[in-house]
Amino acid sequence: MAFNEDIVKRAKSNSYFREVLATGPHSQVVVMSIPPGGEIGAEVHPGIDQVLVFVQGEGQAILNGEKSVVSVDRLVQVPAGTRHNFVNTGTTDLRLYTIYAPPEHAPGTIHKTKAEADAAHEVEHAK
């Protein structure tokens, strides 16, 4: 099913750590909200490119150990195989939307908190 929505409005209103909005055969649209002091967590997607667009807050991108600032209207492209993390260094939620290509999460996935996301990741990778 095609996806056509005001993605900035949707990302700004999102309060979940992660919510998958749309999944196609080759890409996936996800919104995220990271609380002050929180982070996505260091990870590598061996076969997945990721593009992140920030719509609220400020933070730090760490790509293969190199740090840079992220804030409203910044886009970060993370090529497959890049070790990456994003940390909220501000005082409000860091909100963004991200595109995975190919999809990374099961369609309809909602993780209300990072702890919930981490627990689900452990279950998925224990199989």
C-alpha atoms as a PDB file:
ATOM      1  CA  MET A   1       0.000   0.000   0.000  1.00  0.00           C
ATOM      2  CA  ALA A   2       1.299   3.459  -0.890  1.00  0.00           C
ATOM      3  CA  PHE A   3       2.083   6.001   1.831  1.00  0.00           C
ATOM      4  CA  ASN A   4       1.237   9.703   1.463  1.00  0.00           C
ATOM      5  CA  GLU A   5       1.240  11.709   4.689  1.00  0.00           C
ATOM      6  CA  ASP A   6       2.623  14.932   6.211  1.00  0.00           C
ATOM      7  CA  ILE A   7       5.703  13.164   7.556  1.00  0.00           C
ATOM      8  CA  VAL A   8       7.075  16.179   9.438  1.00  0.00           C
ATOM      9  CA  LYS A   9       3.787  16.630  11.313  1.00  0.00           C
ATOM     10  CA  ARG A  10       3.633  12.895  12.026  1.00  0.00           C
ATOM     11  CA  ALA A  11       7.241  12.825  13.286  1.00  0.00           C
ATOM     12  CA  LYS A  12       6.721  15.894  15.492  1.00  0.00           C
ATOM     13  CA  SER A  13       3.602  14.381  17.092  1.00  0.00           C
ATOM     14  CA  ASN A  14       5.203  10.958  17.667  1.00  0.00           C
ATOM     15  CA  SER A  15       6.071  10.124  21.284  1.00  0.00           C
ATOM     16  CA  TYR A  16       7.141   6.504  20.750  1.00  0.00           C
ATOM     17  CA  PHE A  17      10.790   5.497  20.538  1.00  0.00           C
ATOM     18  CA  ARG A  18       9.994   3.775  17.225  1.00  0.00           C
ATOM     19  CA  GLU A  19       6.900   3.376  15.078  1.00  0.00           C
ATOM     20  CA  VAL A  20       6.917   1.768  11.639  1.00  0.00           C
ATOM     21  CA  LEU A  21       4.491   3.710   9.446  1.00  0.00           C
ATOM     22  CA  ALA A  22       4.893   2.040   6.062  1.00  0.00           C
ATOM     23  CA  THR A  23       6.744  -0.939   4.644  1.00  0.00           C
ATOM     24  CA  GLY A  24       7.263  -1.666   0.973  1.00  0.00           C
ATOM     25  CA  PRO A  25       9.227  -4.374  -0.781  1.00  0.00           C
ATOM     26  CA  HIS A  26      12.420  -2.258  -0.861  1.00  0.00           C
ATOM     27  CA  SER A  27      12.066   0.433   1.841  1.00  0.00           C
ATOM     28  CA  GLN A  28      10.430   1.333   5.126  1.00  0.00           C
ATOM     29  CA  VAL A  29       9.270   4.603   6.752  1.00  0.00           C
ATOM     30  CA  VAL A  30       9.718   4.919  10.532  1.00  0.00           C
ATOM     31  CA  VAL A  31       9.290   7.769  13.043  1.00  0.00           C
ATOM     32  CA  MET A  32      11.350   7.970  16.232  1.00  0.00           C
ATOM     33  CA  SER A  33      11.449  10.058  19.402  1.00  0.00           C
ATOM     34  CA  ILE A  34      14.512  10.025  21.651  1.00  0.00           C
ATOM     35  CA  PRO A  35      14.179  11.633  25.113  1.00  0.00           C
ATOM     36  CA  PRO A  36      16.773  14.096  26.478  1.00  0.00           C
ATOM     37  CA  GLY A  37      19.928  12.175  27.372  1.00  0.00           C
ATOM     38  CA  GLY A  38      18.730   9.143  25.409  1.00  0.00           C
ATOM     39  CA  GLU A  39      20.192   7.483  22.352  1.00  0.00           C
ATOM     40  CA  ILE A  40      19.286   5.100  19.574  1.00  0.00           C
ATOM     41  CA  GLY A  41      22.181   2.871  20.576  1.00  0.00           C
ATOM     42  CA  ALA A  42      25.277   1.920  18.597  1.00  0.00           C
ATOM     43  CA  GLU A  43      24.421  -0.437  15.757  1.00  0.00           C
ATOM     44  CA  VAL A  44      25.426  -1.608  12.302  1.00  0.00           C
ATOM     45  CA  HIS A  45      23.050  -2.642   9.522  1.00  0.00           C
ATOM     46  CA  PRO A  46      25.230  -4.805   7.228  1.00  0.00           C
ATOM     47  CA  GLY A  47      22.860  -4.792   4.249  1.00  0.00           C
ATOM     48  CA  ILE A  48      20.654  -1.780   4.929  1.00  0.00           C
ATOM     49  CA  ASP A  49      21.081   1.876   4.013  1.00  0.00           C
ATOM     50  CA  GLN A  50      19.407   4.347   6.369  1.00  0.00           C
ATOM     51  CA  VAL A  51      18.460   8.003   5.895  1.00  0.00           C
ATOM     52  CA  LEU A  52      17.466  10.028   8.976  1.00  0.00           C
ATOM     53  CA  VAL A  53      15.814  13.475   8.879  1.00  0.00           C
ATOM     54  CA  PHE A  54      15.563  15.480  12.114  1.00  0.00           C
ATOM     55  CA  VAL A  55      12.441  17.587  12.739  1.00  0.00           C
ATOM     56  CA  GLN A  56      12.794  18.570  16.420  1.00  0.00           C
ATOM     57  CA  GLY A  57      15.526  18.869  19.022  1.00  0.00           C
ATOM     58  CA  GLU A  58      19.281  18.633  18.854  1.00  0.00           C
ATOM     59  CA  GLY A  59      21.751  15.851  19.187  1.00  0.00           C
ATOM     60  CA  GLN A  60      24.901  14.187  18.038  1.00  0.00           C
ATOM     61  CA  ALA A  61      25.499  11.741  15.201  1.00  0.00           C
ATOM     62  CA  ILE A  62      28.336   9.258  15.657  1.00  0.00           C
ATOM     63  CA  LEU A  63      29.283   7.550  12.383  1.00  0.00           C
ATOM     64  CA  ASN A  64      32.241   5.159  12.512  1.00  0.00           C
ATOM     65  CA  GLY A  65      33.497   7.077  15.573  1.00  0.00           C
ATOM     66  CA  GLU A  66      33.203  10.552  13.987  1.00  0.00           C
ATOM     67  CA  LYS A  67      30.882  12.956  15.801  1.00  0.00           C
ATOM     68  CA  SER A  68      28.787  15.713  14.247  1.00  0.00           C
ATOM     69  CA  VAL A  69      25.816  17.834  15.292  1.00  0.00           C
ATOM     70  CA  VAL A  70      22.250  17.046  14.235  1.00  0.00           C
ATOM     71  CA  SER A  71      19.305  19.415  14.586  1.00  0.00           C
ATOM     72  CA  VAL A  72      16.112  20.477  12.815  1.00  0.00           C
ATOM     73  CA  ASP A  73      16.277  20.120   9.025  1.00  0.00           C
ATOM     74  CA  ARG A  74      19.449  17.978   9.070  1.00  0.00           C
ATOM     75  CA  LEU A  75      19.578  14.810   6.988  1.00  0.00           C
ATOM     76  CA  VAL A  76      22.093  12.059   7.717  1.00  0.00           C
ATOM     77  CA  GLN A  77      22.690   9.225   5.267  1.00  0.00           C
ATOM     78  CA  VAL A  78      24.122   6.060   6.843  1.00  0.00           C
ATOM     79  CA  PRO A  79      25.448   3.600   4.237  1.00  0.00           C
ATOM     80  CA  ALA A  80      25.089  -0.118   4.931  1.00  0.00           C
ATOM     81  CA  GLY A  81      27.871  -1.387   7.180  1.00  0.00           C
ATOM     82  CA  THR A  82      28.449   1.939   8.966  1.00  0.00           C
ATOM     83  CA  ARG A  83      28.588   1.759  12.777  1.00  0.00           C
ATOM     84  CA  HIS A  84      26.280   4.526  13.978  1.00  0.00           C
ATOM     85  CA  ASN A  85      24.506   6.036  16.955  1.00  0.00           C
ATOM     86  CA  PHE A  86      22.437   9.156  17.544  1.00  0.00           C
ATOM     87  CA  VAL A  87      22.354  10.803  20.979  1.00  0.00           C
ATOM     88  CA  ASN A  88      19.931  13.451  22.218  1.00  0.00           C
ATOM     89  CA  THR A  89      22.074  16.246  23.692  1.00  0.00           C
ATOM     90  CA  GLY A  90      19.187  18.726  24.027  1.00  0.00           C
ATOM     91  CA  THR A  91      16.473  19.443  26.562  1.00  0.00           C
ATOM     92  CA  THR A  92      13.500  18.300  24.440  1.00  0.00           C
ATOM     93  CA  ASP A  93      12.763  15.074  22.601  1.00  0.00           C
ATOM     94  CA  LEU A  94      14.865  14.518  19.480  1.00  0.00           C
ATOM     95  CA  ARG A  95      12.301  13.638  16.822  1.00  0.00           C
ATOM     96  CA  LEU A  96      12.976  12.284  13.368  1.00  0.00           C
ATOM     97  CA  TYR A  97      11.789  10.164  10.534  1.00  0.00           C
ATOM     98  CA  THR A  98      13.968   7.563   8.929  1.00  0.00           C
ATOM     99  CA  ILE A  99      13.932   5.460   5.795  1.00  0.00           C
ATOM    100  CA  TYR A 100      15.452   1.971   5.775  1.00  0.00           C
ATOM    101  CA  ALA A 101      16.255   0.346   2.447  1.00  0.00           C
ATOM    102  CA  PRO A 102      15.533  -2.534   2.488  1.00  0.00           C
ATOM    103  CA  PRO A 103      13.139  -2.685   5.494  1.00  0.00           C
ATOM    104  CA  GLU A 104      14.651  -3.353   8.925  1.00  0.00           C
ATOM    105  CA  HIS A 105      11.632  -3.931  11.183  1.00  0.00           C
ATOM    106  CA  ALA A 106       8.450  -5.985  10.941  1.00  0.00           C
ATOM    107  CA  PRO A 107       5.555  -4.012   9.408  1.00  0.00           C
ATOM    108  CA  GLY A 108       3.506  -2.224  12.075  1.00  0.00           C
ATOM    109  CA  THR A 109       6.223  -2.437  14.737  1.00  0.00           C
ATOM    110  CA  ILE A 110       5.768  -0.061  17.672  1.00  0.00           C
ATOM    111  CA  HIS A 111       8.335   0.231  20.469  1.00  0.00           C
ATOM    112  CA  LYS A 112       7.093   2.727  23.036  1.00  0.00           C
ATOM    113  CA  THR A 113      10.516   2.944  24.734  1.00  0.00           C
ATOM    114  CA  LYS A 114      14.135   2.076  23.976  1.00  0.00           C
ATOM    115  CA  ALA A 115      13.967  -0.633  26.660  1.00  0.00           C
ATOM    116  CA  GLU A 116      11.047  -2.210  24.801  1.00  0.00           C
ATOM    117  CA  ALA A 117      13.000  -1.990  21.519  1.00  0.00           C
ATOM    118  CA  ASP A 118      16.083  -3.559  23.112  1.00  0.00           C
ATOM    119  CA  ALA A 119      14.017  -6.420  24.566  1.00  0.00           C
ATOM    120  CA  ALA A 120      12.393  -7.100  21.183  1.00  0.00           C
ATOM    121  CA  HIS A 121      15.818  -7.048  19.504  1.00  0.00           C
ATOM    122  CA  GLU A 122      17.094  -9.671  21.966  1.00  0.00           C
ATOM    123  CA  VAL A 123      14.109 -11.936  21.231  1.00  0.00           C
ATOM    124  CA  GLU A 124      14.477 -11.513  17.436  1.00  0.00           C
ATOM    125  CA  HIS A 125      18.192 -12.340  17.508  1.00  0.00           C
ATOM    126  CA  ALA A 126      17.844 -15.277  19.915  1.00  0.00           C
ATOM    127  CA  LYS A 127      16.039 -17.252  17.188  1.00  0.00           C
END
